[in-house]
Amino acid sequence: MIVKTAFYTGLCSVLFSANVFGADVQGARVVRGDWKTVDAAAFGLSPKAGADVNAAALQKALDGGRRVVKVSEPGTYDIDRICLIDSDTELVFGPGTRLRKAKPICVALANRAAYCGGVDSNIVVRGLSFVVNGCEREADPNGPAPGLQGHVSFFHVNDLEIRDFSCTDFLASQYCLQVVDFRGFTIDGFDIRGEKDGIHLNAGRDFVIRNGKLRTGDDGIAINAGEWPDFTPRMGSICDGLVENVHDLPGGRCNFARVITGGWVQWHRGIRLQRNDLCNVGNNVYGVTPMPLGTNEYVSTTPPTHTHGVWKSPEGINFLFLQSDGVSRVNISNVTFRNVRMDCDRSIFCGWETYEWARLIHPELPRDRYPAIDVRLERVAKSAKGPIVFGNADANVAFADCAAVDGRLLEMGWSSSRTLAPRRRVVVDGVEQVFTNGTACVKGALVAPRE
């Protein structure tokens, strides 16, 4: 059936009233009475200072936690190295302030546990306007946090809040924002535009991505339980998430959201491994990287046993150590997209990586151990061509009050590299859809095209 334009207009009015487009977002954080408040200017931070002075001053202001750190004077603050945030810290950037990279470093702002071990908690970053300034550098695979690739990154963190965030000039080598191994993450109020992934999540639970706009050259939002091993320091399931009041602006590429899982097996003598495959040796998890791009399979006869960085086997296979928790299957569950406006001809990809860049479902994985995706879409409207959801994975997908300009809610096939068809359950407005051979093409309501 055709839904009148009123549906689309109504949904857009909901999005606008929800302050998606740059309105001030106020948090509800309660700061403990024994925290102190400091202005980073007292430690030497100044728009007039050099990048080395500013980085040292901001770090000194942050050290120790249990404080609110303010950056108050309007202006651009250059830094030339990473600054680390401790637990129990609120970092507040005032109106007219910008934090800018001054040299090609990888991560510019992170929590301390990401590089020093342990777990951080209770961190708030508010009002950050971040400028990449053409300065990008990929993470060192032999460094303390291999695969941590965001300009702003958090790893091993609980109860993280980012509010009123903007970054509009990142290039194609690094993610804008990456959060890994988290328990409780909220980003509320954002404007993210650039050439790589905007918001990139790996391994965690309880997240909210709310009130923002995106235009990216790669994935706008990546919810990646499985991942290319050189682009995350940890694999792990992701559950209990909400993406709400988000506007996907015209002009982006790749996916509005990328939702991917993974599954792999224990290493054994003679196992055939491809670039970015994963395998376990006991409880250790390894990725086959860096290796040449392509689908060439390498026969492995020597197991990796190292516990940091990259090791090259006698057969010439590079193994990157990731973690030692024994994980071998990672799922996506209970993730909802609500009040989303998609004005770009890209989709939500729910899939398995099975091509020359990565193969996140190993061919030896038994069928009963395939990972699955469980997502729900509520009041999602797409004014550009193409399905709202597409992919190739085992998935449960539910739609409620969703519509697309050409009526295509979902198109899911299955990769020719898989011998078994995916298992799927698709529900549209409470009615389960019936299809065969693992292929789903679901039509739904129409909306007016973007003007």
Protein backbone atom coordinates (compact mmCIF):
# COMPACT_ATOMS: atom_id res chain seq x y z
CA MET A 1 0.00 0.00 0.00
CA ILE A 2 0.96 3.65 -0.29
CA VAL A 3 1.32 5.66 2.85
CA LYS A 4 0.47 9.29 2.38
CA THR A 5 3.16 11.88 2.60
CA ALA A 6 1.78 12.76 6.03
CA PHE A 7 3.60 9.75 7.48
CA TYR A 8 6.96 10.99 6.24
CA THR A 9 6.18 14.57 7.22
CA GLY A 10 5.11 13.41 10.65
CA LEU A 11 8.25 11.38 11.14
CA CYS A 12 10.43 14.28 10.10
CA SER A 13 8.63 16.55 12.56
CA VAL A 14 9.40 14.03 15.29
CA LEU A 15 13.06 14.10 14.32
CA PHE A 16 13.22 17.88 14.30
CA SER A 17 11.41 18.17 17.62
CA ALA A 18 13.90 15.68 19.07
CA ASN A 19 16.76 18.15 18.43
CA VAL A 20 18.54 16.01 15.86
CA PHE A 21 19.97 18.98 14.04
CA GLY A 22 22.31 20.70 16.43
CA ALA A 23 20.18 21.71 19.38
CA ASP A 24 21.73 21.93 22.81
CA VAL A 25 21.50 18.65 24.67
CA GLN A 26 21.62 18.76 28.46
CA GLY A 27 22.80 15.75 30.41
CA ALA A 28 21.63 14.60 33.79
CA ARG A 29 24.95 13.58 35.32
CA VAL A 30 25.36 14.14 39.04
CA VAL A 31 28.92 15.01 40.04
CA ARG A 32 29.98 13.74 43.44
CA GLY A 33 30.61 16.34 46.07
CA ASP A 34 34.27 15.43 46.55
CA TRP A 35 35.14 16.13 42.92
CA LYS A 36 37.01 19.34 42.26
CA THR A 37 36.56 21.68 39.33
CA VAL A 38 39.60 22.97 37.48
CA ASP A 39 40.13 25.12 34.42
CA ALA A 40 42.80 23.70 32.15
CA ALA A 41 44.06 27.23 31.53
CA ALA A 42 45.53 27.14 35.04
CA PHE A 43 47.85 24.37 33.83
CA GLY A 44 48.97 26.30 30.74
CA LEU A 45 46.35 25.35 28.14
CA SER A 46 45.87 28.26 25.74
CA PRO A 47 44.83 28.88 22.13
CA LYS A 48 48.08 30.83 21.82
CA ALA A 49 50.32 28.04 23.11
CA GLY A 50 52.15 25.48 21.02
CA ALA A 51 50.83 21.95 20.51
CA ASP A 52 53.42 20.44 22.85
CA VAL A 53 52.57 22.86 25.65
CA ASN A 54 48.84 22.33 25.22
CA ALA A 55 49.08 18.53 25.22
CA ALA A 56 51.13 18.57 28.41
CA ALA A 57 48.81 21.10 30.06
CA LEU A 58 45.62 19.24 29.20
CA GLN A 59 47.13 15.98 30.43
CA LYS A 60 48.17 17.58 33.72
CA ALA A 61 44.68 18.98 34.19
CA LEU A 62 43.16 15.53 33.59
CA ASP A 63 45.56 13.47 35.70
CA GLY A 64 44.07 11.70 38.67
CA GLY A 65 40.38 11.95 37.84
CA ARG A 66 37.69 12.82 40.42
CA ARG A 67 37.35 16.21 38.80
CA VAL A 68 35.55 18.39 36.29
CA VAL A 69 38.05 19.82 33.79
CA LYS A 70 36.91 22.89 31.87
CA VAL A 71 38.29 24.32 28.65
CA SER A 72 36.70 27.76 28.74
CA GLU A 73 38.50 30.33 26.61
CA PRO A 74 37.18 30.32 23.01
CA GLY A 75 39.75 29.34 20.41
CA THR A 76 41.57 26.42 18.78
CA TYR A 77 43.80 24.26 20.95
CA ASP A 78 46.47 22.31 19.06
CA ILE A 79 47.86 19.08 20.53
CA ASP A 80 50.65 16.87 19.25
CA ARG A 81 50.13 13.67 21.29
CA ILE A 82 47.45 11.58 22.90
CA CYS A 83 45.75 12.85 26.06
CA LEU A 84 44.39 10.24 28.49
CA ILE A 85 41.31 10.56 30.68
CA ASP A 86 41.07 8.79 34.05
CA SER A 87 37.97 7.36 35.69
CA ASP A 88 35.56 9.77 37.40
CA THR A 89 36.25 12.67 35.05
CA GLU A 90 34.06 15.16 33.24
CA LEU A 91 35.83 17.07 30.47
CA VAL A 92 33.84 20.13 29.40
CA PHE A 93 34.64 22.19 26.31
CA GLY A 94 33.00 25.61 26.33
CA PRO A 95 31.36 27.43 23.42
CA GLY A 96 33.74 28.40 20.63
CA THR A 97 36.50 25.96 21.62
CA ARG A 98 38.09 23.40 19.30
CA LEU A 99 40.63 20.66 19.93
CA ARG A 100 42.88 20.14 16.90
CA LYS A 101 45.54 17.63 15.87
CA ALA A 102 48.80 19.33 14.99
CA LYS A 103 50.75 16.30 13.73
CA PRO A 104 49.99 12.81 12.32
CA ILE A 105 49.22 10.88 15.48
CA CYS A 106 46.63 8.12 15.66
CA VAL A 107 44.39 8.52 18.71
CA ALA A 108 44.22 12.04 20.14
CA LEU A 109 41.88 11.54 23.10
CA ALA A 110 41.28 8.27 24.98
CA ASN A 111 40.78 6.76 28.41
CA ARG A 112 43.86 5.68 30.30
CA ALA A 113 42.88 2.00 30.59
CA ALA A 114 42.92 1.72 26.80
CA TYR A 115 46.71 1.87 26.91
CA CYS A 116 47.60 1.10 30.51
CA GLY A 117 45.28 -1.78 31.38
CA GLY A 118 42.39 -2.12 33.78
CA VAL A 119 38.92 -0.67 33.25
CA ASP A 120 37.85 2.98 33.47
CA SER A 121 34.39 4.14 34.48
CA ASN A 122 32.30 7.30 34.84
CA ILE A 123 33.72 9.47 32.08
CA VAL A 124 31.88 12.37 30.43
CA VAL A 125 33.15 14.41 27.48
CA ARG A 126 30.93 17.38 26.73
CA GLY A 127 30.99 19.97 23.95
CA LEU A 128 34.02 18.60 22.08
CA SER A 129 34.52 20.06 18.61
CA PHE A 130 37.38 18.01 17.20
CA VAL A 131 39.46 19.00 14.17
CA VAL A 132 41.54 16.35 12.38
CA ASN A 133 43.42 18.96 10.35
CA GLY A 134 44.59 16.39 7.79
CA CYS A 135 46.53 14.51 10.49
CA GLU A 136 45.89 10.77 10.39
CA ARG A 137 47.92 7.68 11.23
CA GLU A 138 46.82 4.06 11.58
CA ALA A 139 47.40 2.19 14.83
CA ASP A 140 50.65 0.27 15.32
CA PRO A 141 49.84 -3.49 15.29
CA ASN A 142 52.65 -3.99 17.81
CA GLY A 143 51.61 -1.06 19.99
CA PRO A 144 49.76 -1.14 23.32
CA ALA A 145 46.30 -1.02 21.68
CA PRO A 146 46.55 -2.54 18.18
CA GLY A 147 43.42 -1.91 16.15
CA LEU A 148 42.28 1.12 18.12
CA GLN A 149 41.76 3.42 15.14
CA GLY A 150 39.45 6.28 16.20
CA HIS A 151 40.65 9.85 16.45
CA VAL A 152 38.72 9.79 19.71
CA SER A 153 38.79 6.27 21.20
CA PHE A 154 37.71 4.47 24.35
CA PHE A 155 38.63 0.88 25.23
CA HIS A 156 37.88 -1.05 28.47
CA VAL A 157 35.34 1.49 29.68
CA ASN A 158 32.07 1.52 31.62
CA ASP A 159 29.53 4.33 31.87
CA LEU A 160 30.88 6.61 29.16
CA GLU A 161 28.95 9.67 27.99
CA ILE A 162 29.77 11.92 25.05
CA ARG A 163 27.49 14.91 24.58
CA ASP A 164 27.37 17.67 21.95
CA PHE A 165 30.20 16.27 19.83
CA SER A 166 31.26 17.40 16.36
CA CYS A 167 33.93 16.42 13.87
CA THR A 168 33.51 17.24 10.18
CA ASP A 169 36.91 16.79 8.52
CA PHE A 170 38.19 13.26 9.16
CA LEU A 171 39.79 11.48 6.22
CA ALA A 172 39.78 7.88 4.98
CA SER A 173 42.35 6.22 7.27
CA GLN A 174 40.80 6.49 10.73
CA TYR A 175 37.39 6.26 12.35
CA CYS A 176 36.02 9.43 13.87
CA LEU A 177 34.92 7.85 17.17
CA GLN A 178 35.59 4.26 18.31
CA VAL A 179 34.35 2.60 21.52
CA VAL A 180 35.43 -0.97 22.35
CA ASP A 181 34.78 -3.34 25.26
CA PHE A 182 32.22 -1.13 26.96
CA ARG A 183 29.39 -1.50 29.47
CA GLY A 184 27.20 1.54 29.13
CA PHE A 185 27.90 4.11 26.40
CA THR A 186 25.84 7.13 25.36
CA ILE A 187 26.49 9.69 22.66
CA ASP A 188 23.79 12.36 22.70
CA GLY A 189 23.98 15.24 20.22
CA PHE A 190 26.49 14.95 17.36
CA ASP A 191 27.43 16.24 13.92
CA ILE A 192 29.81 13.81 12.21
CA ARG A 193 30.98 14.22 8.60
CA GLY A 194 34.02 12.72 6.94
CA GLU A 195 35.44 9.94 4.81
CA LYS A 196 35.73 6.91 7.14
CA ASP A 197 33.36 5.43 9.75
CA GLY A 198 31.57 7.91 11.97
CA ILE A 199 30.70 6.01 15.17
CA HIS A 200 32.35 2.59 15.41
CA LEU A 201 31.45 0.09 18.15
CA ASN A 202 33.12 -3.24 18.94
CA ALA A 203 32.35 -5.65 21.80
CA GLY A 204 30.00 -4.22 24.37
CA ARG A 205 26.52 -3.80 25.76
CA ASP A 206 24.04 -1.08 26.71
CA PHE A 207 24.55 1.76 24.26
CA VAL A 208 22.55 4.75 23.06
CA ILE A 209 23.36 6.74 19.92
CA ARG A 210 20.93 9.64 19.91
CA ASN A 211 20.18 13.05 18.39
CA GLY A 212 22.65 13.47 15.59
CA LYS A 213 23.39 13.80 11.91
CA LEU A 214 25.86 11.94 9.71
CA ARG A 215 27.50 12.16 6.31
CA THR A 216 30.36 9.68 5.92
CA GLY A 217 32.36 8.09 3.14
CA ASP A 218 32.26 4.74 4.92
CA ASP A 219 29.85 3.38 7.54
CA GLY A 220 27.95 6.07 9.39
CA ILE A 221 27.43 3.79 12.39
CA ALA A 222 29.30 0.49 12.69
CA ILE A 223 27.97 -2.05 15.19
CA ASN A 224 30.62 -4.68 14.60
CA ALA A 225 30.73 -7.73 16.83
CA GLY A 226 32.93 -9.34 14.18
CA GLU A 227 35.58 -7.13 12.63
CA TRP A 228 38.67 -6.96 10.51
CA PRO A 229 41.26 -7.83 13.18
CA ASP A 230 43.55 -4.94 12.34
CA PHE A 231 40.72 -2.47 13.03
CA THR A 232 39.74 -3.44 16.56
CA PRO A 233 41.63 -4.52 19.68
CA ARG A 234 38.83 -6.94 20.68
CA MET A 235 36.12 -9.17 19.26
CA GLY A 236 32.89 -9.61 21.19
CA SER A 237 29.11 -9.70 21.00
CA ILE A 238 27.14 -6.45 21.11
CA CYS A 239 23.71 -6.26 22.72
CA ASP A 240 21.06 -3.96 24.13
CA GLY A 241 21.46 -0.86 21.98
CA LEU A 242 19.38 2.03 20.67
CA VAL A 243 20.00 4.28 17.67
CA GLU A 244 17.45 7.08 17.94
CA ASN A 245 16.65 10.42 16.29
CA VAL A 246 19.45 10.23 13.73
CA HIS A 247 19.48 11.90 10.30
CA ASP A 248 21.55 10.30 7.53
CA LEU A 249 22.32 13.27 5.30
CA PRO A 250 22.51 13.13 1.49
CA GLY A 251 25.93 12.54 -0.03
CA GLY A 252 27.24 9.68 2.10
CA ARG A 253 28.60 6.37 0.78
CA CYS A 254 28.82 2.72 1.84
CA ASN A 255 26.32 1.96 4.67
CA PHE A 256 24.26 4.14 6.98
CA ALA A 257 24.81 1.37 9.54
CA ARG A 258 26.88 -1.80 9.33
CA VAL A 259 25.81 -4.61 11.65
CA ILE A 260 28.12 -7.62 11.37
CA THR A 261 28.83 -10.80 13.33
CA GLY A 262 31.48 -13.50 13.13
CA GLY A 263 32.35 -17.10 13.92
CA TRP A 264 35.57 -19.10 13.70
CA VAL A 265 37.19 -22.35 14.81
CA GLN A 266 40.14 -23.78 16.71
CA TRP A 267 43.42 -23.81 14.84
CA HIS A 268 44.59 -27.24 13.67
CA ARG A 269 47.47 -28.37 11.53
CA GLY A 270 46.54 -27.87 7.87
CA ILE A 271 43.82 -25.29 8.51
CA ARG A 272 43.30 -23.03 5.52
CA LEU A 273 43.34 -19.34 6.43
CA GLN A 274 42.56 -16.26 4.39
CA ARG A 275 43.40 -12.62 4.97
CA ASN A 276 41.69 -11.33 8.16
CA ASP A 277 40.41 -14.79 9.14
CA LEU A 278 40.20 -15.47 12.87
CA CYS A 279 41.12 -18.62 14.76
CA ASN A 280 41.63 -19.80 18.33
CA VAL A 281 44.63 -21.55 19.79
CA GLY A 282 43.23 -22.68 23.11
CA ASN A 283 41.71 -19.51 24.56
CA ASN A 284 43.91 -17.18 22.55
CA VAL A 285 42.24 -15.40 19.61
CA TYR A 286 44.32 -14.48 16.56
CA GLY A 287 43.66 -12.61 13.34
CA VAL A 288 45.45 -13.33 10.07
CA THR A 289 46.86 -9.88 9.39
CA PRO A 290 48.59 -8.05 7.83
CA MET A 291 48.34 -10.10 4.64
CA PRO A 292 47.89 -9.17 0.95
CA LEU A 293 44.40 -8.24 -0.20
CA GLY A 294 42.58 -11.15 -1.81
CA THR A 295 40.91 -14.51 -1.24
CA ASN A 296 44.06 -16.62 -1.38
CA GLU A 297 44.07 -19.35 1.27
CA TYR A 298 47.24 -20.15 3.20
CA VAL A 299 47.84 -23.58 4.73
CA SER A 300 48.94 -23.20 8.34
CA THR A 301 51.13 -25.86 9.94
CA THR A 302 52.62 -23.90 12.84
CA PRO A 303 50.31 -22.48 15.54
CA PRO A 304 50.83 -19.01 16.99
CA THR A 305 51.44 -18.90 20.74
CA HIS A 306 52.48 -15.28 21.31
CA THR A 307 50.40 -12.92 23.43
CA HIS A 308 51.14 -9.50 21.94
CA GLY A 309 51.51 -7.96 18.54
CA VAL A 310 52.24 -9.74 15.26
CA TRP A 311 54.14 -12.99 14.77
CA LYS A 312 55.08 -14.43 11.38
CA SER A 313 54.92 -18.20 11.05
CA PRO A 314 57.53 -20.24 9.11
CA GLU A 315 54.89 -20.57 6.34
CA GLY A 316 54.78 -16.77 6.02
CA ILE A 317 51.41 -16.22 7.72
CA ASN A 318 51.15 -13.16 9.95
CA PHE A 319 49.11 -13.66 13.14
CA LEU A 320 47.95 -10.70 15.25
CA PHE A 321 47.15 -11.53 18.89
CA LEU A 322 43.80 -10.10 19.97
CA GLN A 323 42.62 -11.54 23.28
CA SER A 324 42.62 -14.61 25.52
CA ASP A 325 38.98 -15.08 26.52
CA GLY A 326 38.27 -18.01 24.19
CA VAL A 327 35.49 -16.26 22.26
CA SER A 328 34.73 -17.91 18.90
CA ARG A 329 31.26 -16.64 18.01
CA VAL A 330 29.99 -13.05 18.30
CA ASN A 331 26.35 -12.00 17.89
CA ILE A 332 24.30 -8.82 17.64
CA SER A 333 21.14 -8.83 19.77
CA ASN A 334 18.41 -6.48 20.91
CA VAL A 335 19.43 -3.45 18.85
CA THR A 336 16.73 -0.94 17.88
CA PHE A 337 16.77 1.82 15.25
CA ARG A 338 14.05 4.35 16.11
CA ASN A 339 13.00 7.65 14.50
CA VAL A 340 15.67 7.51 11.81
CA ARG A 341 15.56 9.64 8.68
CA MET A 342 17.59 8.27 5.77
CA ASP A 343 18.06 10.82 2.98
CA CYS A 344 21.01 9.00 1.39
CA ASP A 345 20.92 6.03 -0.99
CA ARG A 346 22.64 3.67 1.45
CA SER A 347 21.20 1.11 3.83
CA ILE A 348 21.55 -0.79 7.07
CA PHE A 349 23.76 -3.77 6.23
CA CYS A 350 23.17 -6.90 8.33
CA GLY A 351 25.78 -9.34 7.23
CA TRP A 352 28.70 -11.68 7.25
CA GLU A 353 31.95 -10.51 5.72
CA THR A 354 32.85 -13.08 3.03
CA TYR A 355 35.05 -11.37 0.47
CA GLU A 356 38.62 -10.33 -0.25
CA TRP A 357 38.85 -7.86 2.65
CA ALA A 358 37.79 -10.30 5.34
CA ARG A 359 36.11 -13.66 5.91
CA LEU A 360 34.44 -13.53 9.30
CA ILE A 361 32.60 -16.86 8.97
CA HIS A 362 35.23 -19.57 8.63
CA PRO A 363 34.25 -22.37 6.19
CA GLU A 364 34.85 -25.02 8.87
CA LEU A 365 32.37 -23.44 11.31
CA PRO A 366 29.49 -25.88 11.99
CA ARG A 367 26.07 -24.64 10.93
CA ASP A 368 24.70 -24.77 14.49
CA ARG A 369 27.38 -22.30 15.58
CA TYR A 370 26.64 -19.59 13.02
CA PRO A 371 26.18 -16.19 14.67
CA ALA A 372 22.95 -14.23 14.36
CA ILE A 373 21.65 -10.67 14.21
CA ASP A 374 18.55 -9.44 16.04
CA VAL A 375 17.43 -5.90 15.18
CA ARG A 376 14.22 -3.89 15.28
CA LEU A 377 13.33 -0.81 13.24
CA GLU A 378 10.66 1.64 14.42
CA ARG A 379 9.57 4.70 12.47
CA VAL A 380 12.46 4.58 10.00
CA ALA A 381 11.84 6.54 6.80
CA LYS A 382 14.05 6.45 3.72
CA SER A 383 13.61 9.08 1.01
CA ALA A 384 16.41 7.80 -1.26
CA LYS A 385 16.43 4.70 -3.45
CA GLY A 386 17.37 1.26 -2.18
CA PRO A 387 16.19 -0.99 0.64
CA ILE A 388 16.28 0.14 4.25
CA VAL A 389 17.96 -3.16 5.21
CA PHE A 390 20.07 -5.49 3.09
CA GLY A 391 22.56 -8.23 3.82
CA ASN A 392 23.49 -11.91 3.75
CA ALA A 393 23.37 -13.15 7.36
CA ASP A 394 21.23 -15.14 9.77
CA ALA A 395 18.92 -12.45 11.10
CA ASN A 396 15.74 -11.60 12.93
CA VAL A 397 14.48 -8.25 11.63
CA ALA A 398 11.29 -6.52 12.77
CA PHE A 399 9.78 -3.40 11.18
CA ALA A 400 7.17 -1.12 12.76
CA ASP A 401 5.82 1.98 10.99
CA CYS A 402 8.68 2.07 8.50
CA ALA A 403 8.54 3.30 4.91
CA ALA A 404 10.80 3.80 1.89
CA VAL A 405 10.55 5.88 -1.27
CA ASP A 406 10.39 2.76 -3.46
CA GLY A 407 8.74 0.54 -0.86
CA ARG A 408 11.80 -1.68 -0.37
CA LEU A 409 12.07 -2.43 3.33
CA LEU A 410 14.43 -5.39 3.11
CA GLU A 411 16.46 -7.33 0.57
CA MET A 412 18.61 -10.18 1.84
CA GLY A 413 20.30 -12.82 -0.26
CA TRP A 414 23.17 -15.11 0.61
CA SER A 415 26.80 -15.22 -0.33
CA SER A 416 27.90 -17.64 -3.03
CA SER A 417 30.81 -18.57 -0.75
CA ARG A 418 28.38 -20.16 1.72
CA THR A 419 27.02 -23.62 1.04
CA LEU A 420 24.04 -23.22 3.40
CA ALA A 421 21.31 -20.62 3.08
CA PRO A 422 20.90 -18.15 5.94
CA ARG A 423 18.07 -18.52 8.44
CA ARG A 424 15.80 -15.51 8.72
CA ARG A 425 12.68 -14.26 10.43
CA VAL A 426 11.21 -10.98 9.20
CA VAL A 427 8.19 -9.29 10.79
CA VAL A 428 6.50 -6.21 9.33
CA ASP A 429 3.98 -4.42 11.55
CA GLY A 430 3.34 -7.60 13.49
CA VAL A 431 2.95 -9.88 10.47
CA GLU A 432 5.63 -12.50 9.83
CA GLN A 433 6.83 -12.69 6.24
CA VAL A 434 7.19 -16.03 4.49
CA PHE A 435 9.95 -16.71 1.96
CA THR A 436 12.05 -19.63 0.77
CA ASN A 437 15.63 -20.55 -0.14
CA GLY A 438 17.06 -18.09 2.37
CA THR A 439 16.23 -15.11 0.15
CA ALA A 440 14.01 -12.31 1.40
CA CYS A 441 12.60 -9.33 -0.47
CA VAL A 442 10.04 -7.44 1.58
CA LYS A 443 7.95 -4.59 0.25
CA GLY A 444 6.30 -2.05 2.49
CA ALA A 445 4.89 1.43 2.60
CA LEU A 446 6.00 4.29 0.35
CA VAL A 447 7.14 7.79 1.27
CA ALA A 448 7.67 10.89 -0.80
CA PRO A 449 11.12 11.26 -2.39
CA ARG A 450 13.59 13.76 -1.04
CA GLU A 451 13.09 17.19 -2.56
